[in-house]
Amino acid sequence: MNYNYRFEKILIVKDQEKTESELAFKESVHVFEEIATKLYGLLKKKEGLIVYQQERLKEGSSIDEINHYSKFIDSMEKTIEDAQQKVVQARAKMNWHEQKLLEKNLEVRKYEKMRENDFERFKEDQLRIEAMQLDELSTIAFFKKEIR
């Protein structure tokens, strides 16, 4: 006799949801990495600009040049703040997707465990039925021998 799990379709749907959650999580990780990499690049660029400005100050530079670099650094700091906000948002989104993925994994595991338990009961029932059939065959064989 074939085994049919009564919640197989639900398990398939939950598994598909888990796969979709995995893809969404991977995408959110990718977006987070891109934004974090851009932030890192901006920070390195600012650091290099500050070092360059300090070297120019040691050599002697005009007030206009100093003013220009100060405004440029201020502008970069605003860009960096925006990038930091985007990183925070991307991290929150990534964490949310990770939480959803964990929930989906848990749901799938529950249904798989239920299937395993159900299959064990099915095997036990099959063994019990087989034993009953063997008992019945033995009884029939015994009565046939007595009749002769």
N, C-alpha and C. Protein backbone atom coordinates (compact mmCIF):
# COMPACT_ATOMS: atom_id res chain seq x y z
N MET A 1 0.83 -1.17 0.00
CA MET A 1 0.00 0.00 0.00
C MET A 1 0.88 1.25 0.00
N ASN A 2 0.48 2.25 -0.75
CA ASN A 2 1.27 3.48 -0.86
C ASN A 2 0.96 4.44 0.28
N TYR A 3 1.97 5.17 0.67
CA TYR A 3 1.82 6.14 1.75
C TYR A 3 1.51 7.50 1.14
N ASN A 4 0.48 8.15 1.63
CA ASN A 4 0.13 9.51 1.23
C ASN A 4 0.04 10.37 2.47
N TYR A 5 0.86 11.41 2.52
CA TYR A 5 0.84 12.33 3.66
C TYR A 5 -0.32 13.31 3.45
N ARG A 6 -1.17 13.44 4.42
CA ARG A 6 -2.38 14.24 4.26
C ARG A 6 -2.10 15.74 4.15
N PHE A 7 -0.96 16.19 4.65
CA PHE A 7 -0.62 17.62 4.58
C PHE A 7 0.49 17.89 3.54
N GLU A 8 0.62 17.01 2.57
CA GLU A 8 1.70 17.15 1.58
C GLU A 8 1.61 18.47 0.82
N LYS A 9 0.40 18.85 0.42
CA LYS A 9 0.24 20.10 -0.33
C LYS A 9 0.59 21.31 0.53
N ILE A 10 0.23 21.26 1.80
CA ILE A 10 0.59 22.35 2.71
C ILE A 10 2.11 22.42 2.86
N LEU A 11 2.73 21.26 2.97
CA LEU A 11 4.19 21.21 3.10
C LEU A 11 4.85 21.80 1.85
N ILE A 12 4.31 21.49 0.69
CA ILE A 12 4.86 22.03 -0.57
C ILE A 12 4.74 23.55 -0.57
N VAL A 13 3.58 24.06 -0.17
CA VAL A 13 3.37 25.51 -0.14
C VAL A 13 4.33 26.16 0.86
N LYS A 14 4.45 25.57 2.05
CA LYS A 14 5.35 26.13 3.07
C LYS A 14 6.80 26.10 2.59
N ASP A 15 7.17 25.05 1.87
CA ASP A 15 8.52 24.95 1.34
C ASP A 15 8.75 26.03 0.28
N GLN A 16 7.76 26.30 -0.54
CA GLN A 16 7.87 27.37 -1.53
C GLN A 16 8.00 28.73 -0.85
N GLU A 17 7.21 28.93 0.20
CA GLU A 17 7.32 30.18 0.96
C GLU A 17 8.71 30.32 1.56
N LYS A 18 9.27 29.22 2.05
CA LYS A 18 10.62 29.25 2.62
C LYS A 18 11.63 29.63 1.54
N THR A 19 11.46 29.06 0.36
CA THR A 19 12.37 29.37 -0.75
C THR A 19 12.27 30.85 -1.12
N GLU A 20 11.05 31.37 -1.17
CA GLU A 20 10.87 32.79 -1.46
C GLU A 20 11.51 33.65 -0.37
N SER A 21 11.37 33.24 0.87
CA SER A 21 11.99 33.98 1.98
C SER A 21 13.51 33.95 1.87
N GLU A 22 14.06 32.81 1.46
CA GLU A 22 15.51 32.71 1.28
C GLU A 22 15.98 33.68 0.20
N LEU A 23 15.24 33.74 -0.90
CA LEU A 23 15.62 34.65 -1.98
C LEU A 23 15.52 36.10 -1.53
N ALA A 24 14.46 36.44 -0.81
CA ALA A 24 14.30 37.81 -0.31
C ALA A 24 15.42 38.16 0.68
N PHE A 25 15.78 37.21 1.52
CA PHE A 25 16.86 37.45 2.48
C PHE A 25 18.19 37.65 1.75
N LYS A 26 18.47 36.80 0.77
CA LYS A 26 19.72 36.94 0.01
C LYS A 26 19.77 38.29 -0.71
N GLU A 27 18.64 38.70 -1.25
CA GLU A 27 18.58 40.00 -1.93
C GLU A 27 18.81 41.13 -0.93
N SER A 28 18.21 41.04 0.25
CA SER A 28 18.41 42.09 1.25
C SER A 28 19.86 42.14 1.73
N VAL A 29 20.49 40.98 1.83
CA VAL A 29 21.91 40.95 2.21
C VAL A 29 22.75 41.62 1.13
N HIS A 30 22.41 41.31 -0.12
CA HIS A 30 23.15 41.91 -1.25
C HIS A 30 23.00 43.43 -1.24
N VAL A 31 21.78 43.92 -1.04
CA VAL A 31 21.53 45.37 -0.99
C VAL A 31 22.29 45.99 0.17
N PHE A 32 22.25 45.34 1.33
CA PHE A 32 22.97 45.84 2.50
C PHE A 32 24.47 45.93 2.20
N GLU A 33 25.02 44.90 1.60
CA GLU A 33 26.46 44.90 1.29
C GLU A 33 26.81 46.02 0.32
N GLU A 34 25.97 46.25 -0.67
CA GLU A 34 26.23 47.34 -1.63
C GLU A 34 26.24 48.70 -0.93
N ILE A 35 25.22 48.93 -0.11
CA ILE A 35 25.11 50.22 0.57
C ILE A 35 26.26 50.40 1.55
N ALA A 36 26.59 49.35 2.29
CA ALA A 36 27.69 49.42 3.26
C ALA A 36 29.02 49.65 2.54
N THR A 37 29.19 49.05 1.37
CA THR A 37 30.41 49.26 0.60
C THR A 37 30.51 50.71 0.12
N LYS A 38 29.39 51.27 -0.30
CA LYS A 38 29.39 52.68 -0.72
C LYS A 38 29.74 53.58 0.46
N LEU A 39 29.18 53.28 1.63
CA LEU A 39 29.49 54.07 2.82
C LEU A 39 30.98 53.97 3.15
N TYR A 40 31.51 52.78 3.07
CA TYR A 40 32.93 52.58 3.35
C TYR A 40 33.77 53.41 2.37
N GLY A 41 33.39 53.39 1.10
CA GLY A 41 34.11 54.18 0.09
C GLY A 41 34.05 55.66 0.39
N LEU A 42 32.88 56.15 0.80
CA LEU A 42 32.75 57.57 1.16
C LEU A 42 33.62 57.92 2.36
N LEU A 43 33.65 57.04 3.36
CA LEU A 43 34.48 57.29 4.54
C LEU A 43 35.96 57.31 4.19
N LYS A 44 36.37 56.39 3.34
CA LYS A 44 37.78 56.37 2.91
C LYS A 44 38.11 57.63 2.10
N LYS A 45 37.18 58.04 1.26
CA LYS A 45 37.39 59.24 0.45
C LYS A 45 37.51 60.47 1.36
N LYS A 46 36.65 60.56 2.36
CA LYS A 46 36.71 61.69 3.30
C LYS A 46 38.03 61.68 4.06
N GLU A 47 38.43 60.49 4.50
CA GLU A 47 39.70 60.37 5.23
C GLU A 47 40.87 60.83 4.35
N GLY A 48 40.86 60.40 3.11
CA GLY A 48 41.92 60.82 2.19
C GLY A 48 41.90 62.31 1.94
N LEU A 49 40.72 62.88 1.85
CA LEU A 49 40.58 64.31 1.62
C LEU A 49 41.09 65.10 2.83
N ILE A 50 40.80 64.62 4.02
CA ILE A 50 41.27 65.30 5.23
C ILE A 50 42.80 65.26 5.30
N VAL A 51 43.37 64.10 4.97
CA VAL A 51 44.84 63.98 4.97
C VAL A 51 45.43 64.93 3.93
N TYR A 52 44.81 64.99 2.76
CA TYR A 52 45.30 65.88 1.69
C TYR A 52 45.20 67.34 2.14
N GLN A 53 44.09 67.68 2.78
CA GLN A 53 43.89 69.06 3.24
C GLN A 53 44.95 69.42 4.29
N GLN A 54 45.26 68.51 5.19
CA GLN A 54 46.26 68.77 6.21
C GLN A 54 47.64 68.96 5.59
N GLU A 55 47.94 68.17 4.56
CA GLU A 55 49.22 68.34 3.86
C GLU A 55 49.28 69.70 3.18
N ARG A 56 48.17 70.10 2.58
CA ARG A 56 48.12 71.40 1.90
C ARG A 56 48.27 72.53 2.91
N LEU A 57 47.71 72.34 4.14
CA LEU A 57 47.84 73.38 5.16
C LEU A 57 49.29 73.51 5.61
N LYS A 58 50.01 72.39 5.70
CA LYS A 58 51.42 72.42 6.10
C LYS A 58 52.25 73.15 5.05
N GLU A 59 51.91 72.91 3.77
CA GLU A 59 52.66 73.54 2.68
C GLU A 59 52.27 75.01 2.54
N GLY A 60 51.08 75.30 2.96
CA GLY A 60 50.58 76.67 2.83
C GLY A 60 49.62 76.73 1.67
N SER A 61 48.41 77.11 1.95
CA SER A 61 47.41 77.21 0.89
C SER A 61 46.58 78.46 1.13
N SER A 62 45.86 78.86 0.10
CA SER A 62 45.07 80.09 0.18
C SER A 62 43.81 79.86 1.00
N ILE A 63 43.23 80.97 1.44
CA ILE A 63 42.00 80.91 2.23
C ILE A 63 40.87 80.35 1.39
N ASP A 64 40.85 80.70 0.12
CA ASP A 64 39.81 80.16 -0.78
C ASP A 64 39.91 78.65 -0.89
N GLU A 65 41.13 78.15 -1.00
CA GLU A 65 41.33 76.70 -1.10
C GLU A 65 40.90 76.01 0.19
N ILE A 66 41.25 76.58 1.34
CA ILE A 66 40.85 76.02 2.63
C ILE A 66 39.33 76.03 2.75
N ASN A 67 38.72 77.13 2.36
CA ASN A 67 37.26 77.27 2.42
C ASN A 67 36.59 76.24 1.50
N HIS A 68 37.17 76.09 0.30
CA HIS A 68 36.64 75.13 -0.67
C HIS A 68 36.65 73.70 -0.10
N TYR A 69 37.80 73.30 0.48
CA TYR A 69 37.90 71.95 1.04
C TYR A 69 36.99 71.76 2.24
N SER A 70 36.82 72.80 3.05
CA SER A 70 35.91 72.71 4.21
C SER A 70 34.47 72.48 3.75
N LYS A 71 34.07 73.23 2.74
CA LYS A 71 32.71 73.05 2.21
C LYS A 71 32.54 71.66 1.59
N PHE A 72 33.58 71.21 0.90
CA PHE A 72 33.51 69.89 0.28
C PHE A 72 33.42 68.79 1.34
N ILE A 73 34.17 68.93 2.43
CA ILE A 73 34.14 67.96 3.52
C ILE A 73 32.77 67.99 4.20
N ASP A 74 32.22 69.19 4.41
CA ASP A 74 30.87 69.30 4.98
C ASP A 74 29.85 68.60 4.09
N SER A 75 29.97 68.80 2.81
CA SER A 75 29.06 68.14 1.86
C SER A 75 29.21 66.62 1.93
N MET A 76 30.44 66.18 2.04
CA MET A 76 30.69 64.73 2.14
C MET A 76 30.10 64.18 3.43
N GLU A 77 30.18 64.94 4.52
CA GLU A 77 29.64 64.48 5.80
C GLU A 77 28.12 64.30 5.70
N LYS A 78 27.45 65.21 4.98
CA LYS A 78 26.01 65.06 4.79
C LYS A 78 25.70 63.82 3.95
N THR A 79 26.51 63.59 2.93
CA THR A 79 26.34 62.40 2.09
C THR A 79 26.58 61.14 2.92
N ILE A 80 27.57 61.20 3.79
CA ILE A 80 27.89 60.06 4.66
C ILE A 80 26.74 59.81 5.63
N GLU A 81 26.16 60.86 6.19
CA GLU A 81 25.02 60.69 7.09
C GLU A 81 23.85 60.02 6.37
N ASP A 82 23.59 60.46 5.14
CA ASP A 82 22.52 59.83 4.35
C ASP A 82 22.83 58.35 4.12
N ALA A 83 24.09 58.06 3.78
CA ALA A 83 24.48 56.68 3.53
C ALA A 83 24.36 55.85 4.81
N GLN A 84 24.69 56.45 5.95
CA GLN A 84 24.56 55.74 7.22
C GLN A 84 23.10 55.42 7.50
N GLN A 85 22.20 56.34 7.21
CA GLN A 85 20.77 56.08 7.39
C GLN A 85 20.32 54.94 6.48
N LYS A 86 20.81 54.95 5.26
CA LYS A 86 20.45 53.87 4.33
C LYS A 86 20.98 52.53 4.81
N VAL A 87 22.17 52.53 5.40
CA VAL A 87 22.75 51.30 5.94
C VAL A 87 21.89 50.79 7.10
N VAL A 88 21.45 51.69 7.96
CA VAL A 88 20.62 51.30 9.09
C VAL A 88 19.30 50.70 8.59
N GLN A 89 18.71 51.35 7.59
CA GLN A 89 17.45 50.84 7.02
C GLN A 89 17.66 49.49 6.35
N ALA A 90 18.75 49.37 5.61
CA ALA A 90 19.02 48.10 4.92
C ALA A 90 19.29 46.99 5.93
N ARG A 91 19.97 47.32 7.02
CA ARG A 91 20.24 46.31 8.06
C ARG A 91 18.93 45.88 8.71
N ALA A 92 18.05 46.84 8.98
CA ALA A 92 16.75 46.50 9.59
C ALA A 92 15.94 45.62 8.65
N LYS A 93 15.96 45.95 7.38
CA LYS A 93 15.23 45.13 6.39
C LYS A 93 15.82 43.74 6.30
N MET A 94 17.15 43.66 6.31
CA MET A 94 17.84 42.37 6.26
C MET A 94 17.49 41.53 7.49
N ASN A 95 17.49 42.16 8.67
CA ASN A 95 17.14 41.44 9.90
C ASN A 95 15.69 40.97 9.88
N TRP A 96 14.80 41.79 9.33
CA TRP A 96 13.39 41.41 9.22
C TRP A 96 13.25 40.19 8.31
N HIS A 97 13.93 40.22 7.17
CA HIS A 97 13.88 39.07 6.24
C HIS A 97 14.49 37.83 6.88
N GLU A 98 15.54 38.01 7.67
CA GLU A 98 16.16 36.88 8.34
C GLU A 98 15.17 36.26 9.34
N GLN A 99 14.45 37.11 10.07
CA GLN A 99 13.47 36.62 11.03
C GLN A 99 12.37 35.85 10.32
N LYS A 100 11.89 36.38 9.20
CA LYS A 100 10.85 35.69 8.42
C LYS A 100 11.36 34.35 7.91
N LEU A 101 12.61 34.32 7.48
CA LEU A 101 13.20 33.08 6.99
C LEU A 101 13.27 32.04 8.11
N LEU A 102 13.67 32.47 9.30
CA LEU A 102 13.71 31.55 10.43
C LEU A 102 12.33 31.00 10.75
N GLU A 103 11.31 31.86 10.68
CA GLU A 103 9.94 31.42 10.93
C GLU A 103 9.51 30.39 9.89
N LYS A 104 9.82 30.65 8.63
CA LYS A 104 9.44 29.72 7.55
C LYS A 104 10.17 28.40 7.71
N ASN A 105 11.45 28.45 8.07
CA ASN A 105 12.20 27.22 8.30
C ASN A 105 11.56 26.40 9.42
N LEU A 106 11.16 27.08 10.47
CA LEU A 106 10.53 26.40 11.60
C LEU A 106 9.21 25.74 11.18
N GLU A 107 8.41 26.46 10.40
CA GLU A 107 7.15 25.89 9.92
C GLU A 107 7.38 24.64 9.08
N VAL A 108 8.34 24.73 8.16
CA VAL A 108 8.63 23.59 7.29
C VAL A 108 9.12 22.41 8.12
N ARG A 109 9.99 22.68 9.10
CA ARG A 109 10.48 21.60 9.95
C ARG A 109 9.35 20.93 10.73
N LYS A 110 8.39 21.74 11.19
CA LYS A 110 7.25 21.17 11.92
C LYS A 110 6.46 20.22 11.02
N TYR A 111 6.18 20.66 9.81
CA TYR A 111 5.42 19.79 8.90
C TYR A 111 6.22 18.56 8.50
N GLU A 112 7.53 18.70 8.34
CA GLU A 112 8.35 17.54 8.02
C GLU A 112 8.37 16.55 9.19
N LYS A 113 8.44 17.07 10.41
CA LYS A 113 8.43 16.21 11.58
C LYS A 113 7.08 15.50 11.70
N MET A 114 6.00 16.23 11.41
CA MET A 114 4.68 15.62 11.43
C MET A 114 4.60 14.51 10.38
N ARG A 115 5.21 14.74 9.21
CA ARG A 115 5.21 13.72 8.16
C ARG A 115 6.00 12.50 8.61
N GLU A 116 7.14 12.71 9.25
CA GLU A 116 7.94 11.58 9.75
C GLU A 116 7.15 10.76 10.76
N ASN A 117 6.51 11.46 11.69
CA ASN A 117 5.71 10.75 12.71
C ASN A 117 4.54 10.00 12.07
N ASP A 118 3.89 10.65 11.11
CA ASP A 118 2.77 10.02 10.42
C ASP A 118 3.24 8.79 9.64
N PHE A 119 4.41 8.89 9.01
CA PHE A 119 4.93 7.75 8.26
C PHE A 119 5.28 6.60 9.20
N GLU A 120 5.81 6.92 10.37
CA GLU A 120 6.10 5.86 11.36
C GLU A 120 4.82 5.15 11.77
N ARG A 121 3.77 5.93 12.03
CA ARG A 121 2.47 5.31 12.37
C ARG A 121 1.96 4.46 11.22
N PHE A 122 2.15 4.94 9.99
CA PHE A 122 1.73 4.19 8.81
C PHE A 122 2.46 2.85 8.74
N LYS A 123 3.79 2.89 8.96
CA LYS A 123 4.57 1.64 8.92
C LYS A 123 4.11 0.69 10.02
N GLU A 124 3.86 1.23 11.21
CA GLU A 124 3.39 0.38 12.31
C GLU A 124 2.04 -0.25 11.96
N ASP A 125 1.14 0.54 11.38
CA ASP A 125 -0.16 0.02 10.97
C ASP A 125 -0.01 -1.07 9.91
N GLN A 126 0.91 -0.85 8.98
CA GLN A 126 1.14 -1.84 7.93
C GLN A 126 1.66 -3.14 8.53
N LEU A 127 2.58 -3.03 9.49
CA LEU A 127 3.11 -4.22 10.15
C LEU A 127 2.01 -4.94 10.93
N ARG A 128 1.17 -4.18 11.59
CA ARG A 128 0.06 -4.77 12.35
C ARG A 128 -0.92 -5.48 11.41
N ILE A 129 -1.23 -4.84 10.30
CA ILE A 129 -2.14 -5.47 9.32
C ILE A 129 -1.51 -6.72 8.74
N GLU A 130 -0.22 -6.64 8.45
CA GLU A 130 0.48 -7.82 7.90
C GLU A 130 0.48 -8.96 8.92
N ALA A 131 0.70 -8.63 10.17
CA ALA A 131 0.69 -9.65 11.22
C ALA A 131 -0.71 -10.28 11.34
N MET A 132 -1.74 -9.45 11.26
CA MET A 132 -3.12 -9.98 11.32
C MET A 132 -3.39 -10.90 10.13
N GLN A 133 -2.91 -10.51 8.95
CA GLN A 133 -3.12 -11.34 7.76
C GLN A 133 -2.38 -12.66 7.89
N LEU A 134 -1.16 -12.61 8.43
CA LEU A 134 -0.41 -13.85 8.63
C LEU A 134 -1.10 -14.75 9.65
N ASP A 135 -1.63 -14.16 10.71
CA ASP A 135 -2.39 -14.94 11.70
C ASP A 135 -3.60 -15.59 11.04
N GLU A 136 -4.27 -14.82 10.22
CA GLU A 136 -5.47 -15.34 9.55
C GLU A 136 -5.10 -16.48 8.60
N LEU A 137 -4.00 -16.31 7.86
CA LEU A 137 -3.55 -17.37 6.95
C LEU A 137 -3.13 -18.61 7.73
N SER A 138 -2.47 -18.42 8.86
CA SER A 138 -2.07 -19.56 9.69
C SER A 138 -3.29 -20.31 10.21
N THR A 139 -4.28 -19.55 10.63
CA THR A 139 -5.51 -20.17 11.14
C THR A 139 -6.20 -20.95 10.04
N ILE A 140 -6.29 -20.38 8.84
CA ILE A 140 -6.92 -21.08 7.71
C ILE A 140 -6.14 -22.34 7.38
N ALA A 141 -4.81 -22.23 7.35
CA ALA A 141 -3.99 -23.41 7.04
C ALA A 141 -4.18 -24.48 8.10
N PHE A 142 -4.27 -24.09 9.36
CA PHE A 142 -4.46 -25.04 10.43
C PHE A 142 -5.79 -25.79 10.29
N PHE A 143 -6.86 -25.03 10.00
CA PHE A 143 -8.17 -25.66 9.84
C PHE A 143 -8.21 -26.55 8.62
N LYS A 144 -7.48 -26.20 7.58
CA LYS A 144 -7.45 -27.06 6.39
C LYS A 144 -6.76 -28.39 6.72
N LYS A 145 -5.72 -28.35 7.54
CA LYS A 145 -5.04 -29.59 7.92
C LYS A 145 -5.92 -30.46 8.78
N GLU A 146 -6.70 -29.85 9.67
CA GLU A 146 -7.58 -30.62 10.56
C GLU A 146 -8.71 -31.27 9.79
N ILE A 147 -9.20 -30.59 8.77
CA ILE A 147 -10.29 -31.12 7.99
C ILE A 147 -9.84 -32.38 7.24
N ARG A 148 -8.68 -32.50 6.83
CA ARG A 148 -8.21 -33.63 6.06
C ARG A 148 -8.07 -34.82 6.90
